[in-house]
Every structure is written in structure tokens, then in C-alpha cells.
Amino acid sequence: MPEVLKIGLAVLITLIISVIITWKITIYYRVKVYEAKVGSAEVKEKEIIENAIKSAETIKREALLEAKEEALKAKNEFEKESKERRTELSRYEKRLIVKEETLDRKIDALEKKESKLSNRETELKNLKQEVDEFHERQLQELEKISGLTSEQAKEYLLKTVEEDVKHETAMFIKEMDNKAKEEVNKKAKEYVVNAIQRCSADHVTETTISVVQLPNDEMKGRIIGREGRNIRTLETLTGVDLIIDDTPEAVILSAFDPIRREVARIALEKLIVDGRIHPARIEEMVDKAQKEVEDIMREAGEEAVLEVGVHGIHPELIKLLGKMKFRTSYGQNALKHSIEVAIMAGLLASEIGLDVRLAKRAGLLHDIGKSVDHEVEGTHISIGVDLCRKYKESAIVINALEAHHGDVEPETLIACVVQAADTISAARPGARRETLETYTNRLKQLEDITNSFKGVDKSFAIQAGREIRVMVVPDQINDDDMILLARDVSKRIEEELEYPGQIKVNVIRESRVTDYAK
């Protein structure tokens, strides 16, 4: 046993020693390998650093070379550009020198011319002075020979010539007037016949008032109502003034809007027939009257379209046409005027071979803007054009509307036909009534024109503006001057005034001597 233990112990010791030796050998080997690797890494590091230094030096040299090349190139370009600029500057300098020399030459020439002109001016002044002195001597000699001064001779000559011319002119005018008077009767008959033919229709209507007849005067009190409540209600609802005065069995409705006046008239007549007059009943009757007037306007528009023979007009335009039944222009009913223009335009179109229906359509719609011109801003022409464009009327019709008062040039013969028909309908005697303001202004202008002539003492417009009597100062106007004055006044009136018919110019010259018995 002890030997076995010894052997085992020896083996164990041997194993331990072997393990220790093996471990040391392994460690030594690893140390050597690590040292070898470290040495190799240092070598590689040195090689990399050397290569990097070499590459950096190479790059540096290349960069320096490129920089030198760029600098050399920029230098060459700068020198080239500087050379070109110097060349151009020298060329400009030469041009300036040439121009300066040219200007100097011109200035010298101008100075020479100026000197010559001043010398000539001095010579001309001297010549003028000599001519004036010679002329003065001649005048003095002529005055000595004639015994008159130059002013007296000039005045005498002008007066003689003026009197001769006036006399011859007056005789010529008198002769021409006598010839014209020989044809007066013939022309007058033609004018009267034409006037009768052209004045066949009644166009003038009342524009501001309507009269409602009452069964008795007691009805006035019922219309006024307690404390005036009935009349106030009616005026408020209709916008019409009721005038109740001493006129027996009548009430006057006053308003510039004919539609409102018609509504008030119908409503008042219904209230009078019904007998029950109070605010609630008035409101009910006004509503009914408004609907009735709308029906009347629509029917009037349809009747106008049928009468003229135009079809395909938009219903809204037909309503507006009917509204023109209650619209007047200078006392002429707008709807009747439009119908007449349409008929005349159709007749004229048929005579010259145009489209009759299109001419009638344009004539019927030419004043459509007047139906709403008191409700919409603008002239009746612009309003009518907008309405026709809105309801798809043709360009020919629109141009006829624009051109019928000459504001726009007519583009078609249809527009010219409508313009002529409108003028004929509006201008014929009796078709329109002048306002008082226009009439009085015309009379004033007539007197102002005659009073502006020299030698006129005073003038009077008489016979409703159909005659002007001119009183002249007898010391300033002789018999020949009267004929010329009448002619000049007539021409001036024709140029400056617009008037129907003719105006008689009656020049009166009379001498009065006044003395007193003492």
C-alpha cells in the first residue's frame, strides 16, 4: 500500500509539474506571438505614414501647379481685356477729338453768320427808317394836295364804299325776298296738306293729374274720413296726392308716376261704388287695383305686339311694353309712339327691301328703357340695351336702340330706318307738347338774340314766339340797314334756336319829335 501511494503521489506530482510547464510554455509562446504582431503593426504604421506624407507632398505639388496655371491664365485674360479697353478708349478719344474740332468749326461759322446778320439788321433798320421818312413825306404832300388828313381820307373812303355796298346788298335781298314771296302761297298749301296728313293721330295726354267724378259732394267728407285718416291711408298706400277743393263733385289725383295715379284712380272709384270707406277697405281695394293695373299693362303689351305683327318677344319685355301705356314723353304716349315707330319702320323697310319684321321689332322696342328709367339709374337708351341683352334680342335690334338718338353710329340700315321713323313720329306737329319752361326759355333767347345787335332799342317776342318785333334807334339805323338787320337777325335765329314752324322778324323804325307848349 505504501508503494502504491508513493507511485500515485509521484504520478500526481508529475502531472502537476507537466501542467505547470505546459502553461508556462503556452504563455511564453503567446507572448512571443503578440510581440511579433506588435512589431509587424509598427512597421505597417510607419509605411502608412510615409506613404501619406509622400501623397500629401504629391497633392501639394499638383495643387501649386494648378494654382500657378490658373493665375497665369487669369493674368493673360486680364491683360487681354485691359488691352481691348485701352484700344476702345483710344478710339473714343479720337472720336471726341474729331467732334470737338467739328464743333469748333461750326461755332466759328455761326459766329461769322451772327456777325453778318447783325450787320444786315443794322442795314435793314437804316433802310426802314429811310422808307418811313419817305412815306411820311409822301403823306404830307398828299395831305397838302387833298386838303385832308390821312385819317379823314380813310374814313371818307370807307364810308363811301360801305354805303354803296349796303345799298346794293339791301336791293339784292329785297329782290330775292320778292321772288320768294311769289311762291309763298304754293308752298304754304303744300305745308298745310303735309301737316294734316302727318297729324292724323292723337298723341297728347295729361301727365300729372287725373280727375275722379263723385256722385255728390257729401262723398268728399267720407273720402277724407275722421280726422283725415281715410285720405292719409289712401295717399300713403298709393303715393298719390288727393286734392279735394271746391270743384263740385270731383276729386283730383296728382302724381308724376302715371301708374301710381292709375292705381289710385281705380281704387278710389271702387271705394265710391262700394260705399264702405275705411283704412282696411282702402288697403284691400288698392291691392285689387294694383293687380288690375298689372293685367291692363300685360294686355296692352300683348295688343301692341299683335297690332304690329311681331312675334317671339320675351314675356317680360311684353309686360314692360304694356307699362309704357302709362308713360308719356313731352305729352306723347310712349306706347302709341313705339307702335307708330314700328309701323313706320316696317313701311320704310319694305320700300328699300329690308327685313320688315326685324325693322318692326326694333321700332317697337326702341324706347323700352322708358318703362323703367324712373326706377333704374341711367338713360332710357342704356337701360333698354341692357334689357334687350338680358332677354337675348339680336345684335341688330340692340344697335338700333343704341343709335336711334345718334349717340352711337348705326351699323345696319335697320338702325337708320328706326332712327328716321322715331324722328318722324316725334317731330310731327301735335305729337308732342312743349313744357312751359322750354317755351319761356325760347322766348327769352329770342329777345336776347335781337337785343344783342347794334342799333336795337328793344324787342318783343309775340304771337307765342312766332313773331319778334324789333324797335331800332332811327339815328343809328337807316332804311337800307333795316333790311340787312332783319336778314342778320333771321340767320342768327336759325343758327342758335330750335323751333317749330317759322318766326317772323319785324323791324320797326320810327322817328318821334317831342316839344312842349308853354
Protein backbone atom coordinates (compact mmCIF):
# COMPACT_ATOMS: atom_id res chain seq x y z
CA MET A 1 0.00 0.00 0.00
CA PRO A 2 2.64 2.46 0.86
CA GLU A 3 4.30 1.81 -2.52
CA VAL A 4 1.09 2.33 -4.32
CA LEU A 5 0.60 5.61 -2.53
CA LYS A 6 4.07 6.66 -3.39
CA ILE A 7 3.59 5.78 -7.03
CA GLY A 8 0.29 7.67 -7.14
CA LEU A 9 1.78 10.62 -5.39
CA ALA A 10 4.69 10.60 -7.83
CA VAL A 11 2.32 10.43 -10.78
CA LEU A 12 0.24 13.29 -9.34
CA ILE A 13 3.33 15.39 -8.79
CA THR A 14 4.49 14.60 -12.30
CA LEU A 15 1.13 15.60 -13.71
CA ILE A 16 1.16 18.86 -11.76
CA ILE A 17 4.66 19.66 -12.95
CA SER A 18 3.66 18.84 -16.52
CA VAL A 19 0.66 21.12 -16.31
CA ILE A 20 2.78 23.95 -14.93
CA ILE A 21 5.43 23.52 -17.60
CA THR A 22 2.78 23.37 -20.30
CA TRP A 23 1.09 26.54 -19.02
CA LYS A 24 4.42 28.43 -18.91
CA ILE A 25 5.31 27.25 -22.41
CA THR A 26 1.89 28.39 -23.69
CA ILE A 27 2.25 31.76 -22.05
CA TYR A 28 5.70 32.20 -23.46
CA TYR A 29 4.56 31.25 -26.91
CA ARG A 30 1.65 33.70 -26.76
CA VAL A 31 3.94 36.49 -25.60
CA LYS A 32 6.27 35.83 -28.49
CA VAL A 33 3.39 35.82 -31.00
CA TYR A 34 2.00 39.08 -29.57
CA GLU A 35 5.45 40.71 -29.72
CA ALA A 36 5.76 39.60 -33.32
CA LYS A 37 2.36 41.07 -34.20
CA VAL A 38 3.15 44.36 -32.43
CA GLY A 39 6.39 44.62 -34.36
CA SER A 40 4.61 44.00 -37.65
CA ALA A 41 1.92 46.65 -36.82
CA GLU A 42 4.56 49.27 -36.08
CA VAL A 43 6.25 48.53 -39.37
CA LYS A 44 2.96 48.88 -41.24
CA GLU A 45 2.20 52.08 -39.36
CA LYS A 46 5.47 53.56 -40.42
CA GLU A 47 4.86 52.54 -44.01
CA ILE A 48 1.37 54.11 -43.99
CA ILE A 49 2.68 57.36 -42.50
CA GLU A 50 5.47 57.50 -45.08
CA ASN A 51 3.03 56.82 -47.93
CA ALA A 52 0.66 59.52 -46.59
CA ILE A 53 3.48 62.04 -46.40
CA LYS A 54 4.51 61.20 -49.96
CA SER A 55 0.89 61.51 -51.22
CA ALA A 56 0.41 64.82 -49.43
CA GLU A 57 3.58 66.18 -50.98
CA THR A 58 2.42 64.98 -54.40
CA ILE A 59 -1.01 66.60 -53.97
CA LYS A 60 0.60 69.78 -52.72
CA ARG A 61 2.86 69.96 -55.74
CA GLU A 62 -0.08 69.33 -58.08
CA ALA A 63 -2.21 71.99 -56.33
CA LEU A 64 0.62 74.50 -56.59
CA LEU A 65 1.00 73.73 -60.27
CA GLU A 66 -2.75 74.16 -60.89
CA ALA A 67 -2.81 77.41 -58.91
CA LYS A 68 0.11 78.73 -60.92
CA GLU A 69 -1.63 77.76 -64.15
CA GLU A 70 -4.92 79.47 -63.09
CA ALA A 71 -3.06 82.59 -62.01
CA LEU A 72 -1.21 82.68 -65.29
CA LYS A 73 -4.44 82.20 -67.25
CA ALA A 74 -6.25 84.96 -65.27
CA LYS A 75 -3.28 87.25 -65.78
CA ASN A 76 -3.34 86.65 -69.54
CA GLU A 77 -7.11 87.30 -69.71
CA PHE A 78 -6.81 90.46 -67.66
CA GLU A 79 -4.01 91.73 -69.85
CA LYS A 80 -6.05 90.93 -72.98
CA GLU A 81 -9.15 92.69 -71.62
CA SER A 82 -7.11 95.69 -70.49
CA LYS A 83 -5.58 95.91 -73.94
CA GLU A 84 -9.02 95.85 -75.59
CA ARG A 85 -10.34 98.54 -73.24
CA ARG A 86 -7.31 100.71 -73.86
CA THR A 87 -7.88 100.30 -77.61
CA GLU A 88 -11.56 101.21 -77.28
CA LEU A 89 -10.78 104.23 -75.07
CA SER A 90 -8.27 105.49 -77.56
CA ARG A 91 -10.88 105.09 -80.34
CA TYR A 92 -13.44 107.06 -78.30
CA GLU A 93 -10.84 109.68 -77.55
CA LYS A 94 -10.13 110.09 -81.26
CA ARG A 95 -13.86 110.43 -81.99
CA LEU A 96 -14.24 113.07 -79.29
CA ILE A 97 -11.32 114.99 -80.66
CA VAL A 98 -12.87 114.91 -84.15
CA LYS A 99 -16.26 116.02 -82.81
CA GLU A 100 -14.67 118.79 -80.79
CA GLU A 101 -12.89 120.04 -83.87
CA THR A 102 -16.16 119.89 -85.86
CA LEU A 103 -17.99 121.83 -83.14
CA ASP A 104 -15.27 124.43 -83.06
CA ARG A 105 -15.61 124.88 -86.82
CA LYS A 106 -19.41 125.16 -86.55
CA ILE A 107 -19.15 127.67 -83.72
CA ASP A 108 -16.78 129.75 -85.79
CA ALA A 109 -19.19 129.59 -88.75
CA LEU A 110 -22.14 130.57 -86.53
CA GLU A 111 -20.23 133.50 -85.08
CA LYS A 112 -19.46 134.69 -88.60
CA LYS A 113 -23.12 134.32 -89.62
CA GLU A 114 -24.26 136.13 -86.49
CA SER A 115 -21.91 138.95 -87.25
CA LYS A 116 -23.25 139.15 -90.83
CA LEU A 117 -26.87 139.05 -89.58
CA SER A 118 -26.25 141.83 -87.10
CA ASN A 119 -24.73 143.91 -89.87
CA ARG A 120 -27.72 143.19 -92.14
CA GLU A 121 -30.12 144.01 -89.31
CA THR A 122 -28.44 147.36 -88.87
CA GLU A 123 -28.70 147.96 -92.61
CA LEU A 124 -32.40 146.98 -92.62
CA LYS A 125 -33.12 149.33 -89.73
CA ASN A 126 -31.49 152.13 -91.59
CA LEU A 127 -33.45 151.27 -94.76
CA LYS A 128 -36.71 151.07 -92.78
CA GLN A 129 -36.03 154.42 -91.24
CA GLU A 130 -35.41 155.89 -94.67
CA VAL A 131 -38.61 154.29 -96.04
CA ASP A 132 -40.64 155.60 -93.10
CA GLU A 133 -39.25 159.10 -93.61
CA PHE A 134 -40.04 158.89 -97.35
CA HIS A 135 -43.57 157.61 -96.62
CA GLU A 136 -44.12 160.41 -94.13
CA ARG A 137 -43.02 163.00 -96.69
CA GLN A 138 -45.38 161.49 -99.26
CA LEU A 139 -48.31 161.61 -96.81
CA GLN A 140 -47.56 165.22 -96.01
CA GLU A 141 -47.51 166.07 -99.70
CA LEU A 142 -50.80 164.19 -100.31
CA GLU A 143 -52.44 165.93 -97.35
CA LYS A 144 -51.31 169.31 -98.75
CA ILE A 145 -52.70 168.44 -102.19
CA SER A 146 -56.07 166.97 -100.97
CA GLY A 147 -56.61 169.26 -98.02
CA LEU A 148 -57.49 166.19 -95.83
CA THR A 149 -55.54 164.27 -93.23
CA SER A 150 -54.86 160.54 -93.80
CA GLU A 151 -57.42 159.52 -91.18
CA GLN A 152 -60.06 161.76 -92.73
CA ALA A 153 -59.35 160.38 -96.22
CA LYS A 154 -59.52 156.79 -94.97
CA GLU A 155 -62.79 157.42 -93.14
CA TYR A 156 -64.32 159.11 -96.19
CA LEU A 157 -63.32 156.26 -98.49
CA LEU A 158 -64.60 153.53 -96.15
CA LYS A 159 -67.87 155.35 -95.59
CA THR A 160 -68.46 155.73 -99.32
CA VAL A 161 -67.71 152.08 -100.03
CA GLU A 162 -69.82 150.92 -97.06
CA GLU A 163 -72.85 152.92 -98.20
CA ASP A 164 -72.57 151.59 -101.73
CA VAL A 165 -72.25 148.01 -100.54
CA LYS A 166 -75.15 148.37 -98.09
CA HIS A 167 -77.41 149.82 -100.75
CA GLU A 168 -76.57 147.13 -103.30
CA THR A 169 -76.92 144.37 -100.70
CA ALA A 170 -80.24 145.71 -99.46
CA MET A 171 -81.58 145.93 -103.01
CA PHE A 172 -80.42 142.40 -103.76
CA ILE A 173 -82.02 140.99 -100.58
CA LYS A 174 -85.24 142.87 -101.31
CA GLU A 175 -85.32 141.46 -104.82
CA MET A 176 -84.74 137.91 -103.54
CA ASP A 177 -87.45 138.32 -100.90
CA ASN A 178 -89.92 139.47 -103.58
CA LYS A 179 -89.14 136.38 -105.65
CA ALA A 180 -89.58 134.16 -102.60
CA LYS A 181 -92.94 135.75 -101.76
CA GLU A 182 -94.24 134.83 -105.20
CA GLU A 183 -94.08 131.14 -104.22
CA VAL A 184 -95.40 131.59 -100.67
CA ASN A 185 -98.99 130.56 -101.43
CA LYS A 186 -97.96 127.44 -103.29
CA LYS A 187 -95.52 126.33 -100.60
CA ALA A 188 -97.97 127.20 -97.82
CA LYS A 189 -100.61 124.90 -99.32
CA GLU A 190 -98.11 122.05 -99.55
CA TYR A 191 -97.05 122.56 -95.93
CA VAL A 192 -100.66 122.61 -94.73
CA VAL A 193 -101.52 119.39 -96.62
CA ASN A 194 -98.43 117.64 -95.24
CA ALA A 195 -99.21 118.82 -91.72
CA ILE A 196 -102.80 117.49 -91.98
CA GLN A 197 -101.57 114.11 -93.23
CA ARG A 198 -98.89 113.82 -90.56
CA CYS A 199 -101.13 114.90 -87.68
CA SER A 200 -103.75 112.18 -88.02
CA ALA A 201 -103.28 110.53 -84.57
CA ASP A 202 -103.98 111.86 -81.10
CA HIS A 203 -100.83 111.52 -79.01
CA VAL A 204 -101.10 114.18 -76.34
CA THR A 205 -102.29 113.08 -72.90
CA GLU A 206 -102.34 114.61 -69.44
CA THR A 207 -99.23 113.69 -67.49
CA THR A 208 -99.67 114.79 -63.90
CA ILE A 209 -103.34 114.70 -62.78
CA SER A 210 -106.45 112.54 -63.03
CA VAL A 211 -109.99 113.58 -62.13
CA VAL A 212 -112.41 111.20 -60.37
CA GLN A 213 -116.08 112.14 -60.56
CA LEU A 214 -118.14 111.86 -57.36
CA PRO A 215 -121.88 111.12 -57.11
CA ASN A 216 -122.28 114.08 -54.72
CA ASP A 217 -120.26 116.47 -52.59
CA GLU A 218 -121.02 114.50 -49.40
CA MET A 219 -118.66 111.81 -50.68
CA LYS A 220 -115.74 114.21 -50.17
CA GLY A 221 -116.19 114.07 -46.42
CA ARG A 222 -116.29 110.26 -46.45
CA ILE A 223 -113.14 110.14 -48.54
CA ILE A 224 -111.37 112.45 -46.07
CA GLY A 225 -112.63 110.38 -43.10
CA ARG A 226 -112.50 111.12 -39.42
CA GLU A 227 -109.54 113.41 -38.73
CA GLY A 228 -108.36 112.69 -42.30
CA ARG A 229 -107.45 109.04 -41.68
CA ASN A 230 -109.00 107.76 -44.93
CA ILE A 231 -107.27 110.23 -47.21
CA ARG A 232 -103.94 109.72 -45.39
CA THR A 233 -104.23 105.95 -45.80
CA LEU A 234 -105.01 106.25 -49.50
CA GLU A 235 -102.15 108.68 -50.09
CA THR A 236 -99.70 106.51 -48.11
CA LEU A 237 -100.62 103.29 -49.94
CA THR A 238 -100.62 104.77 -53.44
CA GLY A 239 -98.07 107.59 -53.22
CA VAL A 240 -100.56 109.98 -54.84
CA ASP A 241 -101.73 113.39 -53.60
CA LEU A 242 -105.51 113.76 -53.32
CA ILE A 243 -106.66 117.33 -53.93
CA ILE A 244 -110.13 117.95 -52.54
CA ASP A 245 -111.15 121.56 -53.14
CA ASP A 246 -114.25 123.50 -54.13
CA THR A 247 -114.53 121.72 -57.51
CA PRO A 248 -118.08 120.33 -57.48
CA GLU A 249 -118.42 116.53 -57.43
CA ALA A 250 -114.76 115.86 -58.31
CA VAL A 251 -111.52 114.80 -56.66
CA ILE A 252 -108.15 115.46 -58.31
CA LEU A 253 -105.34 112.89 -58.12
CA SER A 254 -101.89 114.41 -58.59
CA ALA A 255 -98.69 112.39 -59.16
CA PHE A 256 -95.86 112.31 -61.67
CA ASP A 257 -95.93 108.49 -61.75
CA PRO A 258 -98.87 107.61 -64.05
CA ILE A 259 -99.04 104.01 -62.82
CA ARG A 260 -99.48 105.02 -59.20
CA ARG A 261 -102.02 107.60 -60.30
CA GLU A 262 -103.97 104.95 -62.24
CA VAL A 263 -103.91 102.58 -59.24
CA ALA A 264 -105.25 105.36 -57.02
CA ARG A 265 -107.97 106.24 -59.55
CA ILE A 266 -109.21 102.66 -59.88
CA ALA A 267 -109.08 102.10 -56.12
CA LEU A 268 -110.99 105.32 -55.41
CA GLU A 269 -113.66 104.53 -58.00
CA LYS A 270 -114.14 101.07 -56.47
CA LEU A 271 -114.43 102.58 -52.98
CA ILE A 272 -117.04 105.09 -54.20
CA VAL A 273 -119.10 102.31 -55.80
CA ASP A 274 -118.75 100.06 -52.75
CA GLY A 275 -119.60 102.83 -50.27
CA ARG A 276 -117.55 101.34 -47.43
CA ILE A 277 -114.58 103.66 -46.97
CA HIS A 278 -112.24 102.90 -44.09
CA PRO A 279 -108.49 102.08 -43.86
CA ALA A 280 -108.86 98.29 -44.06
CA ARG A 281 -111.19 98.51 -47.06
CA ILE A 282 -108.89 101.07 -48.72
CA GLU A 283 -105.92 98.69 -48.39
CA GLU A 284 -107.95 95.85 -49.90
CA MET A 285 -109.10 97.98 -52.84
CA VAL A 286 -105.59 99.28 -53.50
CA ASP A 287 -104.31 95.68 -53.73
CA LYS A 288 -107.08 94.83 -56.19
CA ALA A 289 -106.38 97.96 -58.20
CA GLN A 290 -102.67 97.11 -58.43
CA LYS A 291 -103.46 93.65 -59.77
CA GLU A 292 -105.94 95.15 -62.22
CA VAL A 293 -103.36 97.66 -63.48
CA GLU A 294 -100.83 94.84 -63.93
CA ASP A 295 -103.38 92.95 -66.00
CA ILE A 296 -104.08 96.08 -68.04
CA MET A 297 -100.35 96.56 -68.73
CA ARG A 298 -99.88 92.94 -69.77
CA GLU A 299 -102.91 93.08 -72.07
CA ALA A 300 -101.71 96.40 -73.54
CA GLY A 301 -98.32 94.86 -74.30
CA GLU A 302 -99.91 91.84 -75.96
CA GLU A 303 -102.23 94.04 -78.01
CA ALA A 304 -99.27 96.17 -79.17
CA VAL A 305 -97.34 93.08 -80.26
CA LEU A 306 -100.38 91.75 -82.15
CA GLU A 307 -101.10 95.12 -83.73
CA VAL A 308 -97.56 95.46 -85.06
CA GLY A 309 -97.33 91.78 -86.04
CA VAL A 310 -94.13 90.94 -84.16
CA HIS A 311 -93.79 87.51 -82.54
CA GLY A 312 -91.32 85.78 -80.23
CA ILE A 313 -90.75 88.69 -77.85
CA HIS A 314 -89.93 87.64 -74.28
CA PRO A 315 -92.94 87.86 -71.88
CA GLU A 316 -91.05 90.26 -69.59
CA LEU A 317 -90.44 92.65 -72.48
CA ILE A 318 -94.15 92.44 -73.35
CA LYS A 319 -95.01 93.45 -69.77
CA LEU A 320 -92.61 96.38 -69.99
CA LEU A 321 -94.20 97.42 -73.29
CA GLY A 322 -97.60 97.43 -71.59
CA LYS A 323 -96.15 99.53 -68.79
CA MET A 324 -95.35 102.21 -71.37
CA LYS A 325 -99.11 102.73 -71.82
CA PHE A 326 -98.97 104.88 -68.68
CA ARG A 327 -95.72 106.62 -69.64
CA THR A 328 -95.57 109.89 -71.59
CA SER A 329 -92.71 111.86 -73.14
CA TYR A 330 -93.39 115.56 -73.73
CA GLY A 331 -97.08 114.72 -73.58
CA GLN A 332 -96.79 111.92 -76.17
CA ASN A 333 -97.92 108.46 -75.10
CA ALA A 334 -94.83 106.22 -75.13
CA LEU A 335 -96.63 103.01 -76.17
CA LYS A 336 -98.51 104.68 -79.05
CA HIS A 337 -95.26 106.32 -80.12
CA SER A 338 -93.47 102.92 -80.13
CA ILE A 339 -96.29 101.30 -82.14
CA GLU A 340 -96.21 104.14 -84.66
CA VAL A 341 -92.42 103.93 -84.97
CA ALA A 342 -92.67 100.18 -85.54
CA ILE A 343 -95.30 100.62 -88.29
CA MET A 344 -93.34 103.44 -89.98
CA ALA A 345 -90.09 101.45 -89.75
CA GLY A 346 -91.83 98.47 -91.39
CA LEU A 347 -93.15 100.68 -94.22
CA LEU A 348 -89.74 102.24 -94.82
CA ALA A 349 -88.03 98.84 -94.70
CA SER A 350 -90.46 97.40 -97.27
CA GLU A 351 -89.75 100.34 -99.60
CA ILE A 352 -85.98 99.74 -99.62
CA GLY A 353 -86.07 95.93 -99.46
CA LEU A 354 -85.08 95.27 -95.84
CA ASP A 355 -86.42 92.72 -93.33
CA VAL A 356 -89.82 94.20 -92.41
CA ARG A 357 -90.34 92.07 -89.28
CA LEU A 358 -86.90 92.90 -87.90
CA ALA A 359 -87.47 96.61 -88.56
CA LYS A 360 -90.85 96.48 -86.76
CA ARG A 361 -89.27 94.61 -83.83
CA ALA A 362 -86.51 97.19 -83.45
CA GLY A 363 -89.02 100.05 -83.79
CA LEU A 364 -91.35 98.58 -81.18
CA LEU A 365 -88.54 98.05 -78.65
CA HIS A 366 -86.53 101.22 -79.33
CA ASP A 367 -87.90 103.08 -76.25
CA ILE A 368 -88.36 100.04 -73.95
CA GLY A 369 -85.97 101.63 -71.42
CA LYS A 370 -88.53 104.38 -70.72
CA SER A 371 -90.74 101.85 -68.92
CA VAL A 372 -88.27 101.61 -66.01
CA ASP A 373 -85.99 104.66 -66.41
CA HIS A 374 -87.52 106.28 -63.30
CA GLU A 375 -86.70 103.11 -61.32
CA VAL A 376 -83.18 102.34 -62.64
CA GLU A 377 -80.18 104.65 -62.94
CA GLY A 378 -79.15 105.58 -66.47
CA THR A 379 -80.61 106.88 -69.71
CA HIS A 380 -83.51 105.09 -71.37
CA ILE A 381 -81.13 104.04 -74.17
CA SER A 382 -78.63 102.29 -71.87
CA ILE A 383 -81.44 100.72 -69.84
CA GLY A 384 -83.16 99.47 -73.00
CA VAL A 385 -79.93 97.99 -74.34
CA ASP A 386 -79.34 96.14 -71.07
CA LEU A 387 -82.90 94.77 -71.10
CA CYS A 388 -82.62 93.56 -74.71
CA ARG A 389 -79.30 91.88 -73.98
CA LYS A 390 -80.77 90.26 -70.90
CA TYR A 391 -83.67 88.79 -72.89
CA LYS A 392 -81.50 87.67 -75.85
CA GLU A 393 -82.53 90.15 -78.54
CA SER A 394 -80.41 90.20 -81.71
CA ALA A 395 -77.40 92.46 -82.21
CA ILE A 396 -79.26 94.35 -84.96
CA VAL A 397 -82.08 95.29 -82.58
CA ILE A 398 -79.59 96.32 -79.87
CA ASN A 399 -77.66 98.54 -82.30
CA ALA A 400 -80.94 100.15 -83.43
CA LEU A 401 -81.70 101.01 -79.77
CA GLU A 402 -78.22 102.45 -79.23
CA ALA A 403 -78.28 104.56 -82.40
CA HIS A 404 -81.85 105.89 -82.51
CA HIS A 405 -80.80 109.21 -80.86
CA GLY A 406 -77.44 109.43 -82.64
CA ASP A 407 -75.33 108.53 -79.59
CA VAL A 408 -73.81 105.56 -81.45
CA GLU A 409 -73.12 105.18 -85.15
CA PRO A 410 -75.71 102.91 -86.84
CA GLU A 411 -74.16 99.67 -88.08
CA THR A 412 -77.09 98.50 -90.22
CA LEU A 413 -79.77 100.02 -92.44
CA ILE A 414 -82.35 98.78 -89.90
CA ALA A 415 -80.89 101.18 -87.32
CA CYS A 416 -81.09 104.06 -89.82
CA VAL A 417 -84.73 103.19 -90.62
CA VAL A 418 -85.67 103.14 -86.90
CA GLN A 419 -83.87 106.46 -86.37
CA ALA A 420 -85.84 108.06 -89.22
CA ALA A 421 -89.17 106.61 -88.05
CA ASP A 422 -88.56 107.82 -84.50
CA THR A 423 -87.79 111.33 -85.74
CA ILE A 424 -90.91 111.44 -87.92
CA SER A 425 -93.17 110.26 -85.10
CA ALA A 426 -91.75 112.66 -82.51
CA ALA A 427 -91.35 115.74 -84.70
CA ARG A 428 -94.71 115.89 -86.45
CA PRO A 429 -96.95 118.75 -85.36
CA GLY A 430 -99.27 117.90 -82.49
CA ALA A 431 -97.38 114.77 -81.47
CA ARG A 432 -95.55 116.34 -78.55
CA ARG A 433 -96.24 119.23 -76.25
CA GLU A 434 -93.52 121.59 -75.07
CA THR A 435 -93.10 122.26 -71.38
CA LEU A 436 -93.67 125.78 -70.04
CA GLU A 437 -90.01 126.09 -69.05
CA THR A 438 -88.79 125.25 -72.57
CA TYR A 439 -91.30 127.69 -74.06
CA THR A 440 -90.31 130.61 -71.81
CA ASN A 441 -86.61 129.91 -72.32
CA ARG A 442 -87.07 130.02 -76.07
CA LEU A 443 -88.86 133.39 -75.87
CA LYS A 444 -86.10 134.79 -73.67
CA GLN A 445 -83.39 133.55 -76.03
CA LEU A 446 -85.28 135.07 -78.96
CA GLU A 447 -85.33 138.52 -77.32
CA ASP A 448 -81.68 138.20 -76.18
CA ILE A 449 -80.55 137.46 -79.74
CA THR A 450 -82.28 140.52 -81.20
CA ASN A 451 -81.17 142.82 -78.37
CA SER A 452 -77.52 141.90 -79.00
CA PHE A 453 -77.45 143.72 -82.37
CA LYS A 454 -76.11 147.25 -82.54
CA GLY A 455 -78.78 149.91 -83.04
CA VAL A 456 -81.61 147.85 -81.48
CA ASP A 457 -83.54 149.76 -78.84
CA LYS A 458 -85.73 146.90 -77.59
CA SER A 459 -87.51 143.82 -78.89
CA PHE A 460 -90.65 141.88 -78.03
CA ALA A 461 -91.47 138.22 -78.72
CA ILE A 462 -95.21 137.98 -79.53
CA GLN A 463 -97.66 135.53 -81.07
CA ALA A 464 -96.38 132.70 -78.81
CA GLY A 465 -92.87 133.13 -80.16
CA ARG A 466 -93.88 133.09 -83.83
CA GLU A 467 -93.03 136.77 -84.31
CA ILE A 468 -90.32 139.07 -82.97
CA ARG A 469 -90.78 142.84 -83.17
CA VAL A 470 -87.52 144.78 -83.20
CA MET A 471 -87.57 148.50 -82.37
CA VAL A 472 -84.45 150.26 -83.69
CA VAL A 473 -82.87 153.64 -82.96
CA PRO A 474 -83.63 155.80 -86.05
CA ASP A 475 -80.42 157.83 -85.71
CA GLN A 476 -78.27 154.67 -85.95
CA ILE A 477 -80.25 152.53 -88.45
CA ASN A 478 -81.40 153.81 -91.85
CA ASP A 479 -83.80 152.14 -94.32
CA ASP A 480 -81.07 150.05 -96.00
CA ASP A 481 -79.71 148.99 -92.62
CA MET A 482 -83.17 147.76 -91.63
CA ILE A 483 -83.20 145.21 -94.48
CA LEU A 484 -79.73 143.93 -93.54
CA LEU A 485 -80.63 143.85 -89.84
CA ALA A 486 -83.75 141.75 -90.49
CA ARG A 487 -81.67 139.35 -92.57
CA ASP A 488 -78.92 139.07 -89.93
CA VAL A 489 -81.44 138.51 -87.12
CA SER A 490 -83.17 135.76 -89.13
CA LYS A 491 -79.87 133.98 -89.81
CA ARG A 492 -78.82 134.24 -86.17
CA ILE A 493 -82.16 132.79 -85.01
CA GLU A 494 -81.85 129.91 -87.49
CA GLU A 495 -78.33 129.10 -86.25
CA GLU A 496 -78.91 129.32 -82.50
CA LEU A 497 -82.52 128.29 -81.85
CA GLU A 498 -84.63 125.20 -82.43
CA TYR A 499 -88.32 125.96 -83.02
CA PRO A 500 -91.34 124.59 -84.87
CA GLY A 501 -92.64 126.34 -87.97
CA GLN A 502 -91.23 129.80 -88.74
CA ILE A 503 -90.55 133.04 -86.86
CA LYS A 504 -91.41 136.40 -88.42
CA VAL A 505 -88.80 139.13 -87.86
CA ASN A 506 -90.48 142.56 -87.95
CA VAL A 507 -88.06 145.53 -87.80
CA ILE A 508 -89.71 148.88 -86.98
CA ARG A 509 -88.04 152.28 -87.39
CA GLU A 510 -89.89 155.45 -86.49
CA SER A 511 -88.89 159.00 -85.75
CA ARG A 512 -90.58 160.98 -83.00
CA VAL A 513 -90.28 164.68 -82.30
CA THR A 514 -91.45 165.98 -78.95
CA ASP A 515 -91.98 169.59 -77.97
CA TYR A 516 -93.87 171.36 -75.22
CA ALA A 517 -96.21 174.39 -75.42
CA LYS A 518 -95.52 176.67 -72.52
